[in-house]
Amino acid sequence: MVQFKSLRISGFKSFADKTELEIMPGLNGIVGPNGCGKSNLVEALRWVMGESSAKRMRGGGMEDVIFNGTNARTRRNIAEVSLLLDNQAHEGPNGFNTMDELEVHAA
């Protein structure tokens, strides 16, 4: 079975800088105080997997997924999310089964 390996985020919602979340085999948890970006991680995962509804990602329009800036940081022009998949078992979609890793990218 294809397994999630890492989630790379840049300019998506509260993630202005490049951020990489390593996803280990088994159960992974995301914990932290309110407002630290837990929901934004889940929404980044949904977006890279094909979600196109801004309302389902707590936004009014798709421009709301791009980091809008703060007093200390400038806004970004693009949001990017990449999902790295472990395909060492070669059970991915036909045409990709010769690759040990697959990357899905949304921008």
PDB file of N, CA and C in Angstrom:
ATOM      1  N   MET A   1       0.839  -1.165   0.000  1.00  0.00           N
ATOM      2  CA  MET A   1       0.000   0.000   0.000  1.00  0.00           C
ATOM      3  C   MET A   1       0.899   1.249   0.000  1.00  0.00           C
ATOM      4  N   VAL A   2       0.476   2.276  -0.711  1.00  0.00           N
ATOM      5  CA  VAL A   2       1.190   3.544  -0.740  1.00  0.00           C
ATOM      6  C   VAL A   2       0.981   4.250   0.605  1.00  0.00           C
ATOM      7  N   GLN A   3       2.067   4.748   1.199  1.00  0.00           N
ATOM      8  CA  GLN A   3       2.015   5.403   2.508  1.00  0.00           C
ATOM      9  C   GLN A   3       2.431   6.865   2.394  1.00  0.00           C
ATOM     10  N   PHE A   4       1.811   7.736   3.169  1.00  0.00           N
ATOM     11  CA  PHE A   4       2.255   9.132   3.255  1.00  0.00           C
ATOM     12  C   PHE A   4       3.639   9.146   3.890  1.00  0.00           C
ATOM     13  N   LYS A   5       4.529   9.989   3.368  1.00  0.00           N
ATOM     14  CA  LYS A   5       5.878  10.079   3.894  1.00  0.00           C
ATOM     15  C   LYS A   5       6.151  11.473   4.478  1.00  0.00           C
ATOM     16  N   SER A   6       5.774  12.514   3.746  1.00  0.00           N
ATOM     17  CA  SER A   6       5.946  13.869   4.272  1.00  0.00           C
ATOM     18  C   SER A   6       5.005  14.832   3.565  1.00  0.00           C
ATOM     19  N   LEU A   7       4.753  15.944   4.240  1.00  0.00           N
ATOM     20  CA  LEU A   7       3.916  17.008   3.715  1.00  0.00           C
ATOM     21  C   LEU A   7       4.758  18.273   3.730  1.00  0.00           C
ATOM     22  N   ARG A   8       4.944  18.879   2.558  1.00  0.00           N
ATOM     23  CA  ARG A   8       5.735  20.110   2.441  1.00  0.00           C
ATOM     24  C   ARG A   8       4.785  21.253   2.114  1.00  0.00           C
ATOM     25  N   ILE A   9       4.893  22.333   2.885  1.00  0.00           N
ATOM     26  CA  ILE A   9       3.966  23.454   2.768  1.00  0.00           C
ATOM     27  C   ILE A   9       4.751  24.750   2.645  1.00  0.00           C
ATOM     28  N   SER A  10       4.318  25.631   1.756  1.00  0.00           N
ATOM     29  CA  SER A  10       4.931  26.950   1.632  1.00  0.00           C
ATOM     30  C   SER A  10       3.871  27.954   1.182  1.00  0.00           C
ATOM     31  N   GLY A  11       3.664  28.997   1.976  1.00  0.00           N
ATOM     32  CA  GLY A  11       2.719  30.037   1.613  1.00  0.00           C
ATOM     33  C   GLY A  11       1.260  29.653   1.756  1.00  0.00           C
ATOM     34  N   PHE A  12       0.983  28.538   2.377  1.00  0.00           N
ATOM     35  CA  PHE A  12      -0.388  28.058   2.549  1.00  0.00           C
ATOM     36  C   PHE A  12      -0.919  28.511   3.908  1.00  0.00           C
ATOM     37  N   LYS A  13      -1.963  29.323   3.884  1.00  0.00           N
ATOM     38  CA  LYS A  13      -2.629  29.828   5.094  1.00  0.00           C
ATOM     39  C   LYS A  13      -1.614  30.370   6.099  1.00  0.00           C
ATOM     40  N   SER A  14      -1.476  29.765   7.279  1.00  0.00           N
ATOM     41  CA  SER A  14      -0.580  30.296   8.310  1.00  0.00           C
ATOM     42  C   SER A  14       0.876  29.877   8.127  1.00  0.00           C
ATOM     43  N   PHE A  15       1.179  29.109   7.089  1.00  0.00           N
ATOM     44  CA  PHE A  15       2.539  28.626   6.856  1.00  0.00           C
ATOM     45  C   PHE A  15       3.235  29.484   5.797  1.00  0.00           C
ATOM     46  N   ALA A  16       3.736  30.634   6.213  1.00  0.00           N
ATOM     47  CA  ALA A  16       4.397  31.552   5.282  1.00  0.00           C
ATOM     48  C   ALA A  16       5.705  30.965   4.770  1.00  0.00           C
ATOM     49  N   ASP A  17       6.477  30.355   5.645  1.00  0.00           N
ATOM     50  CA  ASP A  17       7.778  29.786   5.289  1.00  0.00           C
ATOM     51  C   ASP A  17       7.635  28.327   4.879  1.00  0.00           C
ATOM     52  N   LYS A  18       8.670  27.834   4.210  1.00  0.00           N
ATOM     53  CA  LYS A  18       8.679  26.409   3.852  1.00  0.00           C
ATOM     54  C   LYS A  18       8.704  25.587   5.131  1.00  0.00           C
ATOM     55  N   THR A  19       7.792  24.645   5.202  1.00  0.00           N
ATOM     56  CA  THR A  19       7.655  23.781   6.371  1.00  0.00           C
ATOM     57  C   THR A  19       7.493  22.350   5.885  1.00  0.00           C
ATOM     58  N   GLU A  20       8.169  21.419   6.546  1.00  0.00           N
ATOM     59  CA  GLU A  20       8.016  20.011   6.179  1.00  0.00           C
ATOM     60  C   GLU A  20       7.608  19.217   7.409  1.00  0.00           C
ATOM     61  N   LEU A  21       6.543  18.452   7.257  1.00  0.00           N
ATOM     62  CA  LEU A  21       6.032  17.594   8.311  1.00  0.00           C
ATOM     63  C   LEU A  21       6.329  16.158   7.909  1.00  0.00           C
ATOM     64  N   GLU A  22       7.155  15.493   8.687  1.00  0.00           N
ATOM     65  CA  GLU A  22       7.461  14.089   8.414  1.00  0.00           C
ATOM     66  C   GLU A  22       6.336  13.228   8.978  1.00  0.00           C
ATOM     67  N   ILE A  23       5.845  12.313   8.173  1.00  0.00           N
ATOM     68  CA  ILE A  23       4.746  11.438   8.587  1.00  0.00           C
ATOM     69  C   ILE A  23       5.311  10.032   8.724  1.00  0.00           C
ATOM     70  N   MET A  24       5.348   9.544   9.931  1.00  0.00           N
ATOM     71  CA  MET A  24       5.932   8.237  10.227  1.00  0.00           C
ATOM     72  C   MET A  24       4.875   7.140  10.070  1.00  0.00           C
ATOM     73  N   PRO A  25       5.306   5.898   9.872  1.00  0.00           N
ATOM     74  CA  PRO A  25       4.344   4.793   9.809  1.00  0.00           C
ATOM     75  C   PRO A  25       3.563   4.678  11.120  1.00  0.00           C
ATOM     76  N   GLY A  26       2.333   4.254  11.036  1.00  0.00           N
ATOM     77  CA  GLY A  26       1.504   4.108  12.227  1.00  0.00           C
ATOM     78  C   GLY A  26       0.681   5.347  12.487  1.00  0.00           C
ATOM     79  N   LEU A  27       0.308   5.537  13.730  1.00  0.00           N
ATOM     80  CA  LEU A  27      -0.547   6.639  14.136  1.00  0.00           C
ATOM     81  C   LEU A  27       0.285   7.886  14.401  1.00  0.00           C
ATOM     82  N   ASN A  28      -0.100   8.998  13.804  1.00  0.00           N
ATOM     83  CA  ASN A  28       0.559  10.280  14.018  1.00  0.00           C
ATOM     84  C   ASN A  28      -0.465  11.237  14.603  1.00  0.00           C
ATOM     85  N   GLY A  29      -0.026  12.085  15.506  1.00  0.00           N
ATOM     86  CA  GLY A  29      -0.916  13.064  16.116  1.00  0.00           C
ATOM     87  C   GLY A  29      -0.398  14.473  15.900  1.00  0.00           C
ATOM     88  N   ILE A  30      -1.319  15.418  15.836  1.00  0.00           N
ATOM     89  CA  ILE A  30      -0.972  16.831  15.717  1.00  0.00           C
ATOM     90  C   ILE A  30      -1.557  17.505  16.946  1.00  0.00           C
ATOM     91  N   VAL A  31      -0.682  18.054  17.790  1.00  0.00           N
ATOM     92  CA  VAL A  31      -1.134  18.707  19.006  1.00  0.00           C
ATOM     93  C   VAL A  31      -0.536  20.105  19.087  1.00  0.00           C
ATOM     94  N   GLY A  32      -1.222  20.997  19.774  1.00  0.00           N
ATOM     95  CA  GLY A  32      -0.728  22.353  19.971  1.00  0.00           C
ATOM     96  C   GLY A  32      -1.857  23.253  20.422  1.00  0.00           C
ATOM     97  N   PRO A  33      -1.495  24.471  20.815  1.00  0.00           N
ATOM     98  CA  PRO A  33      -2.515  25.406  21.297  1.00  0.00           C
ATOM     99  C   PRO A  33      -3.405  25.902  20.166  1.00  0.00           C
ATOM    100  N   ASN A  34      -4.521  26.502  20.532  1.00  0.00           N
ATOM    101  CA  ASN A  34      -5.423  27.088  19.543  1.00  0.00           C
ATOM    102  C   ASN A  34      -4.678  28.116  18.705  1.00  0.00           C
ATOM    103  N   GLY A  35      -4.942  28.093  17.408  1.00  0.00           N
ATOM    104  CA  GLY A  35      -4.354  29.082  16.510  1.00  0.00           C
ATOM    105  C   GLY A  35      -2.949  28.787  16.030  1.00  0.00           C
ATOM    106  N   CYS A  36      -2.413  27.604  16.309  1.00  0.00           N
ATOM    107  CA  CYS A  36      -1.031  27.315  15.902  1.00  0.00           C
ATOM    108  C   CYS A  36      -0.937  26.689  14.511  1.00  0.00           C
ATOM    109  N   GLY A  37      -2.069  26.302  13.887  1.00  0.00           N
ATOM    110  CA  GLY A  37      -2.043  25.780  12.534  1.00  0.00           C
ATOM    111  C   GLY A  37      -2.399  24.317  12.371  1.00  0.00           C
ATOM    112  N   LYS A  38      -2.915  23.689  13.392  1.00  0.00           N
ATOM    113  CA  LYS A  38      -3.268  22.263  13.292  1.00  0.00           C
ATOM    114  C   LYS A  38      -4.274  22.017  12.171  1.00  0.00           C
ATOM    115  N   SER A  39      -5.335  22.789  12.144  1.00  0.00           N
ATOM    116  CA  SER A  39      -6.353  22.624  11.099  1.00  0.00           C
ATOM    117  C   SER A  39      -5.797  22.954   9.723  1.00  0.00           C
ATOM    118  N   ASN A  40      -4.883  23.916   9.651  1.00  0.00           N
ATOM    119  CA  ASN A  40      -4.284  24.273   8.368  1.00  0.00           C
ATOM    120  C   ASN A  40      -3.437  23.141   7.799  1.00  0.00           C
ATOM    121  N   LEU A  41      -2.807  22.349   8.660  1.00  0.00           N
ATOM    122  CA  LEU A  41      -2.073  21.168   8.185  1.00  0.00           C
ATOM    123  C   LEU A  41      -3.019  20.178   7.525  1.00  0.00           C
ATOM    124  N   VAL A  42      -4.142  19.933   8.173  1.00  0.00           N
ATOM    125  CA  VAL A  42      -5.129  18.996   7.629  1.00  0.00           C
ATOM    126  C   VAL A  42      -5.702  19.538   6.318  1.00  0.00           C
ATOM    127  N   GLU A  43      -5.955  20.850   6.267  1.00  0.00           N
ATOM    128  CA  GLU A  43      -6.491  21.448   5.042  1.00  0.00           C
ATOM    129  C   GLU A  43      -5.461  21.430   3.913  1.00  0.00           C
ATOM    130  N   ALA A  44      -4.186  21.581   4.232  1.00  0.00           N
ATOM    131  CA  ALA A  44      -3.132  21.474   3.212  1.00  0.00           C
ATOM    132  C   ALA A  44      -3.128  20.067   2.625  1.00  0.00           C
ATOM    133  N   LEU A  45      -3.285  19.077   3.466  1.00  0.00           N
ATOM    134  CA  LEU A  45      -3.357  17.689   3.009  1.00  0.00           C
ATOM    135  C   LEU A  45      -4.580  17.485   2.116  1.00  0.00           C
ATOM    136  N   ARG A  46      -5.700  18.028   2.508  1.00  0.00           N
ATOM    137  CA  ARG A  46      -6.917  17.915   1.686  1.00  0.00           C
ATOM    138  C   ARG A  46      -6.725  18.587   0.329  1.00  0.00           C
ATOM    139  N   TRP A  47      -6.094  19.775   0.339  1.00  0.00           N
ATOM    140  CA  TRP A  47      -5.911  20.547  -0.897  1.00  0.00           C
ATOM    141  C   TRP A  47      -5.020  19.802  -1.887  1.00  0.00           C
ATOM    142  N   VAL A  48      -3.903  19.255  -1.396  1.00  0.00           N
ATOM    143  CA  VAL A  48      -2.994  18.544  -2.296  1.00  0.00           C
ATOM    144  C   VAL A  48      -3.619  17.245  -2.809  1.00  0.00           C
ATOM    145  N   MET A  49      -4.597  16.726  -2.095  1.00  0.00           N
ATOM    146  CA  MET A  49      -5.284  15.517  -2.533  1.00  0.00           C
ATOM    147  C   MET A  49      -6.474  15.818  -3.442  1.00  0.00           C
ATOM    148  N   GLY A  50      -6.690  17.119  -3.753  1.00  0.00           N
ATOM    149  CA  GLY A  50      -7.685  17.440  -4.759  1.00  0.00           C
ATOM    150  C   GLY A  50      -8.857  18.294  -4.323  1.00  0.00           C
ATOM    151  N   GLU A  51      -8.923  18.696  -3.063  1.00  0.00           N
ATOM    152  CA  GLU A  51     -10.035  19.534  -2.621  1.00  0.00           C
ATOM    153  C   GLU A  51      -9.981  20.871  -3.360  1.00  0.00           C
ATOM    154  N   SER A  52     -11.109  21.288  -3.918  1.00  0.00           N
ATOM    155  CA  SER A  52     -11.149  22.546  -4.659  1.00  0.00           C
ATOM    156  C   SER A  52     -12.195  23.522  -4.123  1.00  0.00           C
ATOM    157  N   SER A  53     -12.881  23.141  -3.066  1.00  0.00           N
ATOM    158  CA  SER A  53     -13.892  24.011  -2.482  1.00  0.00           C
ATOM    159  C   SER A  53     -13.276  24.856  -1.369  1.00  0.00           C
ATOM    160  N   ALA A  54     -13.254  26.180  -1.574  1.00  0.00           N
ATOM    161  CA  ALA A  54     -12.719  27.083  -0.550  1.00  0.00           C
ATOM    162  C   ALA A  54     -13.550  27.007   0.732  1.00  0.00           C
ATOM    163  N   LYS A  55     -14.848  26.822   0.602  1.00  0.00           N
ATOM    164  CA  LYS A  55     -15.711  26.746   1.786  1.00  0.00           C
ATOM    165  C   LYS A  55     -15.355  25.544   2.646  1.00  0.00           C
ATOM    166  N   ARG A  56     -14.968  24.443   2.028  1.00  0.00           N
ATOM    167  CA  ARG A  56     -14.596  23.247   2.791  1.00  0.00           C
ATOM    168  C   ARG A  56     -13.238  23.397   3.452  1.00  0.00           C
ATOM    169  N   MET A  57     -12.506  24.465   3.069  1.00  0.00           N
ATOM    170  CA  MET A  57     -11.217  24.753   3.693  1.00  0.00           C
ATOM    171  C   MET A  57     -11.288  26.068   4.475  1.00  0.00           C
ATOM    172  N   ARG A  58     -12.461  26.388   4.985  1.00  0.00           N
ATOM    173  CA  ARG A  58     -12.709  27.568   5.822  1.00  0.00           C
ATOM    174  C   ARG A  58     -12.270  28.864   5.147  1.00  0.00           C
ATOM    175  N   GLY A  59     -12.637  29.024   3.879  1.00  0.00           N
ATOM    176  CA  GLY A  59     -12.309  30.251   3.167  1.00  0.00           C
ATOM    177  C   GLY A  59     -13.469  30.727   2.326  1.00  0.00           C
ATOM    178  N   GLY A  60     -13.413  31.990   1.925  1.00  0.00           N
ATOM    179  CA  GLY A  60     -14.444  32.539   1.058  1.00  0.00           C
ATOM    180  C   GLY A  60     -14.135  32.293  -0.408  1.00  0.00           C
ATOM    181  N   GLY A  61     -12.848  32.222  -0.739  1.00  0.00           N
ATOM    182  CA  GLY A  61     -12.400  31.959  -2.103  1.00  0.00           C
ATOM    183  C   GLY A  61     -11.026  31.310  -2.062  1.00  0.00           C
ATOM    184  N   MET A  62     -10.580  30.807  -3.190  1.00  0.00           N
ATOM    185  CA  MET A  62      -9.301  30.103  -3.212  1.00  0.00           C
ATOM    186  C   MET A  62      -8.125  31.017  -2.871  1.00  0.00           C
ATOM    187  N   GLU A  63      -8.290  32.343  -3.030  1.00  0.00           N
ATOM    188  CA  GLU A  63      -7.222  33.258  -2.641  1.00  0.00           C
ATOM    189  C   GLU A  63      -6.977  33.219  -1.124  1.00  0.00           C
ATOM    190  N   ASP A  64      -7.931  32.695  -0.372  1.00  0.00           N
ATOM    191  CA  ASP A  64      -7.792  32.606   1.085  1.00  0.00           C
ATOM    192  C   ASP A  64      -6.829  31.505   1.523  1.00  0.00           C
ATOM    193  N   VAL A  65      -6.387  30.637   0.618  1.00  0.00           N
ATOM    194  CA  VAL A  65      -5.410  29.609   1.001  1.00  0.00           C
ATOM    195  C   VAL A  65      -3.986  30.168   0.965  1.00  0.00           C
ATOM    196  N   ILE A  66      -3.792  31.346   0.374  1.00  0.00           N
ATOM    197  CA  ILE A  66      -2.465  31.955   0.286  1.00  0.00           C
ATOM    198  C   ILE A  66      -2.219  32.803   1.526  1.00  0.00           C
ATOM    199  N   PHE A  67      -1.024  32.677   2.108  1.00  0.00           N
ATOM    200  CA  PHE A  67      -0.652  33.455   3.289  1.00  0.00           C
ATOM    201  C   PHE A  67      -0.850  34.935   3.003  1.00  0.00           C
ATOM    202  N   ASN A  68      -1.661  35.602   3.831  1.00  0.00           N
ATOM    203  CA  ASN A  68      -2.087  36.977   3.574  1.00  0.00           C
ATOM    204  C   ASN A  68      -1.182  38.033   4.200  1.00  0.00           C
ATOM    205  N   GLY A  69      -0.186  37.630   4.960  1.00  0.00           N
ATOM    206  CA  GLY A  69       0.726  38.584   5.575  1.00  0.00           C
ATOM    207  C   GLY A  69       0.296  38.986   6.973  1.00  0.00           C
ATOM    208  N   THR A  70       1.255  39.586   7.687  1.00  0.00           N
ATOM    209  CA  THR A  70       1.018  40.108   9.028  1.00  0.00           C
ATOM    210  C   THR A  70       1.761  41.436   9.127  1.00  0.00           C
ATOM    211  N   ASN A  71       1.752  42.032  10.310  1.00  0.00           N
ATOM    212  CA  ASN A  71       2.514  43.267  10.512  1.00  0.00           C
ATOM    213  C   ASN A  71       4.010  43.028  10.319  1.00  0.00           C
ATOM    214  N   ALA A  72       4.477  41.824  10.629  1.00  0.00           N
ATOM    215  CA  ALA A  72       5.906  41.517  10.559  1.00  0.00           C
ATOM    216  C   ALA A  72       6.321  40.769   9.287  1.00  0.00           C
ATOM    217  N   ARG A  73       5.359  40.273   8.515  1.00  0.00           N
ATOM    218  CA  ARG A  73       5.677  39.465   7.335  1.00  0.00           C
ATOM    219  C   ARG A  73       4.864  39.910   6.142  1.00  0.00           C
ATOM    220  N   THR A  74       5.496  39.884   4.979  1.00  0.00           N
ATOM    221  CA  THR A  74       4.774  40.250   3.760  1.00  0.00           C
ATOM    222  C   THR A  74       3.930  39.080   3.290  1.00  0.00           C
ATOM    223  N   ARG A  75       2.887  39.408   2.551  1.00  0.00           N
ATOM    224  CA  ARG A  75       2.012  38.363   2.011  1.00  0.00           C
ATOM    225  C   ARG A  75       2.760  37.584   0.932  1.00  0.00           C
ATOM    226  N   ARG A  76       2.306  36.393   0.656  1.00  0.00           N
ATOM    227  CA  ARG A  76       2.886  35.557  -0.399  1.00  0.00           C
ATOM    228  C   ARG A  76       1.999  35.640  -1.635  1.00  0.00           C
ATOM    229  N   ASN A  77       2.591  35.347  -2.783  1.00  0.00           N
ATOM    230  CA  ASN A  77       1.854  35.380  -4.048  1.00  0.00           C
ATOM    231  C   ASN A  77       1.336  34.010  -4.460  1.00  0.00           C
ATOM    232  N   ILE A  78       1.873  32.969  -3.828  1.00  0.00           N
ATOM    233  CA  ILE A  78       1.502  31.610  -4.221  1.00  0.00           C
ATOM    234  C   ILE A  78       1.532  30.701  -2.993  1.00  0.00           C
ATOM    235  N   ALA A  79       0.654  29.734  -3.006  1.00  0.00           N
ATOM    236  CA  ALA A  79       0.652  28.687  -1.982  1.00  0.00           C
ATOM    237  C   ALA A  79       1.040  27.385  -2.671  1.00  0.00           C
ATOM    238  N   GLU A  80       1.916  26.616  -2.030  1.00  0.00           N
ATOM    239  CA  GLU A  80       2.340  25.332  -2.577  1.00  0.00           C
ATOM    240  C   GLU A  80       2.291  24.267  -1.489  1.00  0.00           C
ATOM    241  N   VAL A  81       1.797  23.114  -1.862  1.00  0.00           N
ATOM    242  CA  VAL A  81       1.763  21.966  -0.958  1.00  0.00           C
ATOM    243  C   VAL A  81       2.174  20.740  -1.762  1.00  0.00           C
ATOM    244  N   SER A  82       3.106  19.965  -1.218  1.00  0.00           N
ATOM    245  CA  SER A  82       3.532  18.716  -1.849  1.00  0.00           C
ATOM    246  C   SER A  82       3.379  17.582  -0.854  1.00  0.00           C
ATOM    247  N   LEU A  83       2.897  16.472  -1.335  1.00  0.00           N
ATOM    248  CA  LEU A  83       2.747  15.271  -0.530  1.00  0.00           C
ATOM    249  C   LEU A  83       3.665  14.215  -1.106  1.00  0.00           C
ATOM    250  N   LEU A  84       4.616  13.753  -0.301  1.00  0.00           N
ATOM    251  CA  LEU A  84       5.539  12.710  -0.729  1.00  0.00           C
ATOM    252  C   LEU A  84       4.997  11.366  -0.268  1.00  0.00           C
ATOM    253  N   LEU A  85       4.895  10.422  -1.193  1.00  0.00           N
ATOM    254  CA  LEU A  85       4.330   9.104  -0.913  1.00  0.00           C
ATOM    255  C   LEU A  85       5.396   8.030  -1.055  1.00  0.00           C
ATOM    256  N   ASP A  86       5.405   7.088  -0.135  1.00  0.00           N
ATOM    257  CA  ASP A  86       6.312   5.940  -0.187  1.00  0.00           C
ATOM    258  C   ASP A  86       5.642   4.852  -1.012  1.00  0.00           C
ATOM    259  N   ASN A  87       6.262   4.507  -2.130  1.00  0.00           N
ATOM    260  CA  ASN A  87       5.705   3.491  -3.034  1.00  0.00           C
ATOM    261  C   ASN A  87       6.679   2.328  -3.216  1.00  0.00           C
ATOM    262  N   GLN A  88       7.449   2.006  -2.174  1.00  0.00           N
ATOM    263  CA  GLN A  88       8.441   0.931  -2.285  1.00  0.00           C
ATOM    264  C   GLN A  88       7.798  -0.427  -2.535  1.00  0.00           C
ATOM    265  N   ALA A  89       6.543  -0.572  -2.144  1.00  0.00           N
ATOM    266  CA  ALA A  89       5.833  -1.826  -2.403  1.00  0.00           C
ATOM    267  C   ALA A  89       5.321  -1.875  -3.843  1.00  0.00           C
ATOM    268  N   HIS A  90       5.465  -0.779  -4.584  1.00  0.00           N
ATOM    269  CA  HIS A  90       5.038  -0.683  -5.988  1.00  0.00           C
ATOM    270  C   HIS A  90       3.575  -1.055  -6.169  1.00  0.00           C
ATOM    271  N   GLU A  91       2.736  -0.473  -5.317  1.00  0.00           N
ATOM    272  CA  GLU A  91       1.302  -0.712  -5.385  1.00  0.00           C
ATOM    273  C   GLU A  91       0.532   0.549  -5.749  1.00  0.00           C
ATOM    274  N   GLY A  92       1.231   1.562  -6.262  1.00  0.00           N
ATOM    275  CA  GLY A  92       0.593   2.812  -6.658  1.00  0.00           C
ATOM    276  C   GLY A  92      -0.173   2.653  -7.952  1.00  0.00           C
ATOM    277  N   PRO A  93      -0.662   3.767  -8.490  1.00  0.00           N
ATOM    278  CA  PRO A  93      -1.414   3.723  -9.749  1.00  0.00           C
ATOM    279  C   PRO A  93      -0.561   3.192 -10.899  1.00  0.00           C
ATOM    280  N   ASN A  94      -1.211   2.524 -11.843  1.00  0.00           N
ATOM    281  CA  ASN A  94      -0.494   2.036 -13.022  1.00  0.00           C
ATOM    282  C   ASN A  94       0.241   3.195 -13.674  1.00  0.00           C
ATOM    283  N   GLY A  95       1.407   2.929 -14.195  1.00  0.00           N
ATOM    284  CA  GLY A  95       2.208   3.955 -14.823  1.00  0.00           C
ATOM    285  C   GLY A  95       3.197   4.589 -13.861  1.00  0.00           C
ATOM    286  N   PHE A  96       3.009   4.387 -12.566  1.00  0.00           N
ATOM    287  CA  PHE A  96       3.909   4.958 -11.564  1.00  0.00           C
ATOM    288  C   PHE A  96       4.543   3.885 -10.693  1.00  0.00           C
ATOM    289  N   ASN A  97       4.253   2.630 -10.958  1.00  0.00           N
ATOM    290  CA  ASN A  97       4.695   1.550 -10.085  1.00  0.00           C
ATOM    291  C   ASN A  97       6.178   1.231 -10.167  1.00  0.00           C
ATOM    292  N   THR A  98       6.890   1.825 -11.091  1.00  0.00           N
ATOM    293  CA  THR A  98       8.339   1.599 -11.142  1.00  0.00           C
ATOM    294  C   THR A  98       9.080   2.553 -10.205  1.00  0.00           C
ATOM    295  N   MET A  99       8.385   3.538  -9.650  1.00  0.00           N
ATOM    296  CA  MET A  99       9.007   4.533  -8.786  1.00  0.00           C
ATOM    297  C   MET A  99       8.831   4.171  -7.319  1.00  0.00           C
ATOM    298  N   ASP A 100       9.907   4.373  -6.522  1.00  0.00           N
ATOM    299  CA  ASP A 100       9.842   4.095  -5.094  1.00  0.00           C
ATOM    300  C   ASP A 100       9.158   5.206  -4.312  1.00  0.00           C
ATOM    301  N   GLU A 101       9.191   6.424  -4.845  1.00  0.00           N
ATOM    302  CA  GLU A 101       8.521   7.552  -4.215  1.00  0.00           C
ATOM    303  C   GLU A 101       7.691   8.291  -5.267  1.00  0.00           C
ATOM    304  N   LEU A 102       6.554   8.791  -4.835  1.00  0.00           N
ATOM    305  CA  LEU A 102       5.685   9.591  -5.683  1.00  0.00           C
ATOM    306  C   LEU A 102       5.475  10.932  -5.004  1.00  0.00           C
ATOM    307  N   GLU A 103       5.374  11.991  -5.790  1.00  0.00           N
ATOM    308  CA  GLU A 103       5.109  13.305  -5.218  1.00  0.00           C
ATOM    309  C   GLU A 103       3.906  13.923  -5.906  1.00  0.00           C
ATOM    310  N   VAL A 104       2.953  14.373  -5.083  1.00  0.00           N
ATOM    311  CA  VAL A 104       1.761  15.051  -5.571  1.00  0.00           C
ATOM    312  C   VAL A 104       1.927  16.521  -5.174  1.00  0.00           C
ATOM    313  N   HIS A 105       1.708  17.432  -6.119  1.00  0.00           N
ATOM    314  CA  HIS A 105       1.973  18.848  -5.881  1.00  0.00           C
ATOM    315  C   HIS A 105       0.753  19.677  -6.233  1.00  0.00           C
ATOM    316  N   ALA A 106       0.433  20.653  -5.392  1.00  0.00           N
ATOM    317  CA  ALA A 106      -0.641  21.605  -5.661  1.00  0.00           C
ATOM    318  C   ALA A 106      -0.080  23.011  -5.486  1.00  0.00           C
ATOM    319  N   ALA A 107      -0.432  23.891  -6.419  1.00  0.00           N
ATOM    320  CA  ALA A 107       0.001  25.298  -6.330  1.00  0.00           C
ATOM    321  C   ALA A 107      -1.115  26.185  -6.839  1.00  0.00           C
TER     322      ALA A 107
END
